[in-house]
Amino acid sequence: MDCPHCKQSMTVFSVKKDGSGKGNACPHCGGNVKVFLSLPALLLWLVPAVVVVLLLYPWLGIVATVLAGSAALLLSVRIRPVA
């Protein structure tokens, strides 16, 4: 993902707390950003997650469900600027 302010590459894990401790900031420019879960993206990623679970469940059991669900959640996280 790119920062909505400075357009430099960043990840959800590289977002840092701003000086007040209440919000999040870009690690490059310090612009205020919001990290949120996108419901449309989650619904889109659930389709391949279900396919992965159906394919891997015979070998991995419940671990396949945990891995596919975690991947769908992580891929659904987005960053947007704070207005």
N, C-alpha and C. Protein backbone atom coordinates (compact mmCIF):
# COMPACT_ATOMS: atom_id res chain seq x y z
N MET A 1 0.83 -1.17 0.00
CA MET A 1 0.00 0.00 0.00
C MET A 1 0.88 1.24 0.00
N ASP A 2 0.33 2.32 -0.47
CA ASP A 2 1.04 3.59 -0.48
C ASP A 2 0.40 4.55 0.51
N CYS A 3 1.22 5.41 1.07
CA CYS A 3 0.72 6.44 1.97
C CYS A 3 -0.19 7.38 1.18
N PRO A 4 -1.37 7.73 1.69
CA PRO A 4 -2.24 8.64 0.95
C PRO A 4 -1.72 10.07 0.92
N HIS A 5 -0.72 10.39 1.73
CA HIS A 5 -0.17 11.75 1.78
C HIS A 5 1.08 11.88 0.92
N CYS A 6 2.10 11.05 1.18
CA CYS A 6 3.38 11.20 0.49
C CYS A 6 3.58 10.17 -0.63
N LYS A 7 2.67 9.22 -0.77
CA LYS A 7 2.70 8.20 -1.82
C LYS A 7 3.89 7.25 -1.72
N GLN A 8 4.57 7.20 -0.57
CA GLN A 8 5.65 6.24 -0.39
C GLN A 8 5.07 4.92 0.09
N SER A 9 5.74 3.85 -0.21
CA SER A 9 5.28 2.52 0.14
C SER A 9 5.30 2.32 1.66
N MET A 10 4.22 1.73 2.17
CA MET A 10 4.14 1.42 3.60
C MET A 10 3.22 0.23 3.78
N THR A 11 3.36 -0.43 4.90
CA THR A 11 2.48 -1.54 5.22
C THR A 11 1.68 -1.20 6.47
N VAL A 12 0.70 -2.02 6.75
CA VAL A 12 -0.10 -1.82 7.95
C VAL A 12 0.77 -1.95 9.19
N PHE A 13 1.79 -2.79 9.11
CA PHE A 13 2.65 -3.02 10.26
C PHE A 13 3.67 -1.89 10.46
N SER A 14 3.90 -1.06 9.42
CA SER A 14 4.84 0.03 9.57
C SER A 14 4.19 1.32 10.06
N VAL A 15 2.87 1.33 10.17
CA VAL A 15 2.17 2.51 10.68
C VAL A 15 2.55 2.70 12.14
N LYS A 16 2.86 3.94 12.51
CA LYS A 16 3.27 4.21 13.89
C LYS A 16 2.25 5.12 14.57
N LYS A 17 2.30 5.17 15.87
CA LYS A 17 1.42 6.06 16.63
C LYS A 17 1.90 7.50 16.45
N ASP A 18 0.94 8.43 16.34
CA ASP A 18 1.34 9.83 16.25
C ASP A 18 1.74 10.35 17.63
N GLY A 19 2.18 11.56 17.70
CA GLY A 19 2.70 12.11 18.95
C GLY A 19 1.69 12.14 20.09
N SER A 20 0.40 12.29 19.78
CA SER A 20 -0.61 12.36 20.83
C SER A 20 -0.95 10.99 21.40
N GLY A 21 -0.60 9.93 20.67
CA GLY A 21 -0.92 8.59 21.13
C GLY A 21 -2.33 8.15 20.82
N LYS A 22 -3.10 9.00 20.18
CA LYS A 22 -4.50 8.68 19.88
C LYS A 22 -4.69 8.14 18.47
N GLY A 23 -3.84 8.55 17.54
CA GLY A 23 -4.02 8.17 16.15
C GLY A 23 -2.81 7.45 15.59
N ASN A 24 -2.84 7.22 14.27
CA ASN A 24 -1.75 6.56 13.57
C ASN A 24 -1.14 7.53 12.59
N ALA A 25 0.15 7.34 12.27
CA ALA A 25 0.86 8.24 11.37
C ALA A 25 1.72 7.43 10.41
N CYS A 26 1.96 8.02 9.25
CA CYS A 26 2.86 7.44 8.25
C CYS A 26 4.29 7.51 8.81
N PRO A 27 5.09 6.45 8.65
CA PRO A 27 6.47 6.49 9.16
C PRO A 27 7.38 7.41 8.35
N HIS A 28 6.98 7.78 7.13
CA HIS A 28 7.81 8.61 6.28
C HIS A 28 7.53 10.10 6.47
N CYS A 29 6.26 10.49 6.32
CA CYS A 29 5.92 11.91 6.34
C CYS A 29 5.21 12.33 7.63
N GLY A 30 4.75 11.38 8.43
CA GLY A 30 4.05 11.71 9.67
C GLY A 30 2.60 12.10 9.48
N GLY A 31 2.07 11.95 8.25
CA GLY A 31 0.68 12.29 7.98
C GLY A 31 -0.26 11.35 8.72
N ASN A 32 -1.38 11.88 9.20
CA ASN A 32 -2.35 11.07 9.93
C ASN A 32 -3.09 10.12 8.98
N VAL A 33 -3.11 8.86 9.36
CA VAL A 33 -3.80 7.83 8.59
C VAL A 33 -4.67 7.00 9.51
N LYS A 34 -5.65 6.34 8.91
CA LYS A 34 -6.53 5.45 9.66
C LYS A 34 -6.40 4.05 9.07
N VAL A 35 -6.21 3.07 9.93
CA VAL A 35 -6.15 1.67 9.53
C VAL A 35 -7.53 1.07 9.80
N PHE A 36 -8.12 0.45 8.76
CA PHE A 36 -9.46 -0.10 8.94
C PHE A 36 -9.62 -1.38 8.13
N LEU A 37 -10.64 -2.14 8.46
CA LEU A 37 -10.95 -3.39 7.78
C LEU A 37 -12.01 -3.11 6.72
N SER A 38 -11.70 -3.40 5.47
CA SER A 38 -12.61 -3.17 4.36
C SER A 38 -13.52 -4.38 4.20
N LEU A 39 -14.81 -4.18 4.41
CA LEU A 39 -15.78 -5.27 4.29
C LEU A 39 -15.87 -5.81 2.86
N PRO A 40 -15.91 -4.96 1.82
CA PRO A 40 -15.93 -5.52 0.45
C PRO A 40 -14.69 -6.36 0.14
N ALA A 41 -13.53 -5.89 0.59
CA ALA A 41 -12.30 -6.67 0.36
C ALA A 41 -12.34 -7.99 1.12
N LEU A 42 -12.87 -7.96 2.34
CA LEU A 42 -12.97 -9.19 3.12
C LEU A 42 -13.88 -10.20 2.43
N LEU A 43 -15.02 -9.73 1.94
CA LEU A 43 -15.93 -10.63 1.24
C LEU A 43 -15.29 -11.20 -0.03
N LEU A 44 -14.49 -10.38 -0.70
CA LEU A 44 -13.79 -10.85 -1.89
C LEU A 44 -12.74 -11.90 -1.55
N TRP A 45 -11.98 -11.70 -0.47
CA TRP A 45 -10.93 -12.63 -0.08
C TRP A 45 -11.47 -13.89 0.58
N LEU A 46 -12.73 -13.87 1.03
CA LEU A 46 -13.28 -15.08 1.65
C LEU A 46 -13.50 -16.20 0.63
N VAL A 47 -13.75 -15.85 -0.62
CA VAL A 47 -13.95 -16.87 -1.65
C VAL A 47 -12.69 -17.73 -1.83
N PRO A 48 -11.51 -17.13 -2.08
CA PRO A 48 -10.32 -17.99 -2.17
C PRO A 48 -9.96 -18.66 -0.85
N ALA A 49 -10.31 -18.03 0.27
CA ALA A 49 -10.02 -18.64 1.57
C ALA A 49 -10.82 -19.93 1.74
N VAL A 50 -12.07 -19.91 1.34
CA VAL A 50 -12.90 -21.12 1.43
C VAL A 50 -12.34 -22.21 0.53
N VAL A 51 -11.89 -21.84 -0.67
CA VAL A 51 -11.31 -22.83 -1.58
C VAL A 51 -10.05 -23.44 -0.97
N VAL A 52 -9.20 -22.61 -0.37
CA VAL A 52 -7.98 -23.11 0.27
C VAL A 52 -8.34 -24.06 1.42
N VAL A 53 -9.34 -23.70 2.21
CA VAL A 53 -9.75 -24.58 3.32
C VAL A 53 -10.24 -25.91 2.78
N LEU A 54 -11.06 -25.87 1.75
CA LEU A 54 -11.58 -27.12 1.18
C LEU A 54 -10.47 -28.02 0.63
N LEU A 55 -9.44 -27.40 0.06
CA LEU A 55 -8.34 -28.18 -0.50
C LEU A 55 -7.38 -28.71 0.57
N LEU A 56 -7.11 -27.92 1.60
CA LEU A 56 -6.09 -28.29 2.59
C LEU A 56 -6.64 -28.95 3.84
N TYR A 57 -7.94 -28.89 4.06
CA TYR A 57 -8.51 -29.42 5.30
C TYR A 57 -8.20 -30.91 5.53
N PRO A 58 -8.23 -31.74 4.48
CA PRO A 58 -7.91 -33.16 4.73
C PRO A 58 -6.52 -33.39 5.31
N TRP A 59 -5.56 -32.51 5.01
CA TRP A 59 -4.20 -32.70 5.49
C TRP A 59 -3.89 -31.89 6.75
N LEU A 60 -4.40 -30.67 6.81
CA LEU A 60 -4.04 -29.78 7.91
C LEU A 60 -5.13 -29.63 8.97
N GLY A 61 -6.33 -30.04 8.67
CA GLY A 61 -7.42 -29.93 9.62
C GLY A 61 -7.77 -28.47 9.91
N ILE A 62 -8.00 -28.17 11.18
CA ILE A 62 -8.42 -26.83 11.58
C ILE A 62 -7.35 -25.78 11.31
N VAL A 63 -6.10 -26.19 11.19
CA VAL A 63 -5.01 -25.25 10.88
C VAL A 63 -5.25 -24.59 9.53
N ALA A 64 -5.80 -25.31 8.57
CA ALA A 64 -6.11 -24.74 7.26
C ALA A 64 -7.13 -23.62 7.39
N THR A 65 -8.11 -23.80 8.25
CA THR A 65 -9.12 -22.77 8.47
C THR A 65 -8.51 -21.53 9.11
N VAL A 66 -7.67 -21.73 10.10
CA VAL A 66 -7.02 -20.60 10.78
C VAL A 66 -6.12 -19.84 9.81
N LEU A 67 -5.32 -20.54 9.03
CA LEU A 67 -4.42 -19.89 8.08
C LEU A 67 -5.17 -19.12 7.01
N ALA A 68 -6.18 -19.73 6.42
CA ALA A 68 -6.94 -19.07 5.36
C ALA A 68 -7.73 -17.89 5.90
N GLY A 69 -8.32 -18.02 7.07
CA GLY A 69 -9.06 -16.92 7.67
C GLY A 69 -8.16 -15.77 8.05
N SER A 70 -6.99 -16.07 8.59
CA SER A 70 -6.03 -15.03 8.95
C SER A 70 -5.53 -14.29 7.71
N ALA A 71 -5.26 -15.03 6.66
CA ALA A 71 -4.80 -14.41 5.43
C ALA A 71 -5.88 -13.49 4.85
N ALA A 72 -7.13 -13.94 4.87
CA ALA A 72 -8.23 -13.11 4.36
C ALA A 72 -8.36 -11.82 5.17
N LEU A 73 -8.23 -11.91 6.48
CA LEU A 73 -8.32 -10.71 7.32
C LEU A 73 -7.17 -9.75 7.06
N LEU A 74 -5.95 -10.27 6.99
CA LEU A 74 -4.78 -9.41 6.77
C LEU A 74 -4.82 -8.74 5.40
N LEU A 75 -5.32 -9.45 4.40
CA LEU A 75 -5.39 -8.88 3.06
C LEU A 75 -6.53 -7.87 2.92
N SER A 76 -7.43 -7.81 3.88
CA SER A 76 -8.57 -6.90 3.84
C SER A 76 -8.33 -5.59 4.58
N VAL A 77 -7.20 -5.45 5.23
CA VAL A 77 -6.89 -4.23 5.97
C VAL A 77 -6.45 -3.15 4.99
N ARG A 78 -6.96 -1.94 5.18
CA ARG A 78 -6.65 -0.81 4.30
C ARG A 78 -6.19 0.39 5.13
N ILE A 79 -5.55 1.34 4.45
CA ILE A 79 -5.09 2.57 5.08
C ILE A 79 -5.71 3.74 4.31
N ARG A 80 -6.26 4.72 5.05
CA ARG A 80 -6.80 5.92 4.40
C ARG A 80 -6.42 7.15 5.22
N PRO A 81 -6.46 8.31 4.56
CA PRO A 81 -6.09 9.54 5.30
C PRO A 81 -7.18 9.93 6.28
N VAL A 82 -6.79 10.60 7.34
CA VAL A 82 -7.74 11.12 8.31
C VAL A 82 -8.10 12.53 7.84
N ALA A 83 -9.38 12.77 7.72
CA ALA A 83 -9.83 14.09 7.23
C ALA A 83 -9.82 15.12 8.32
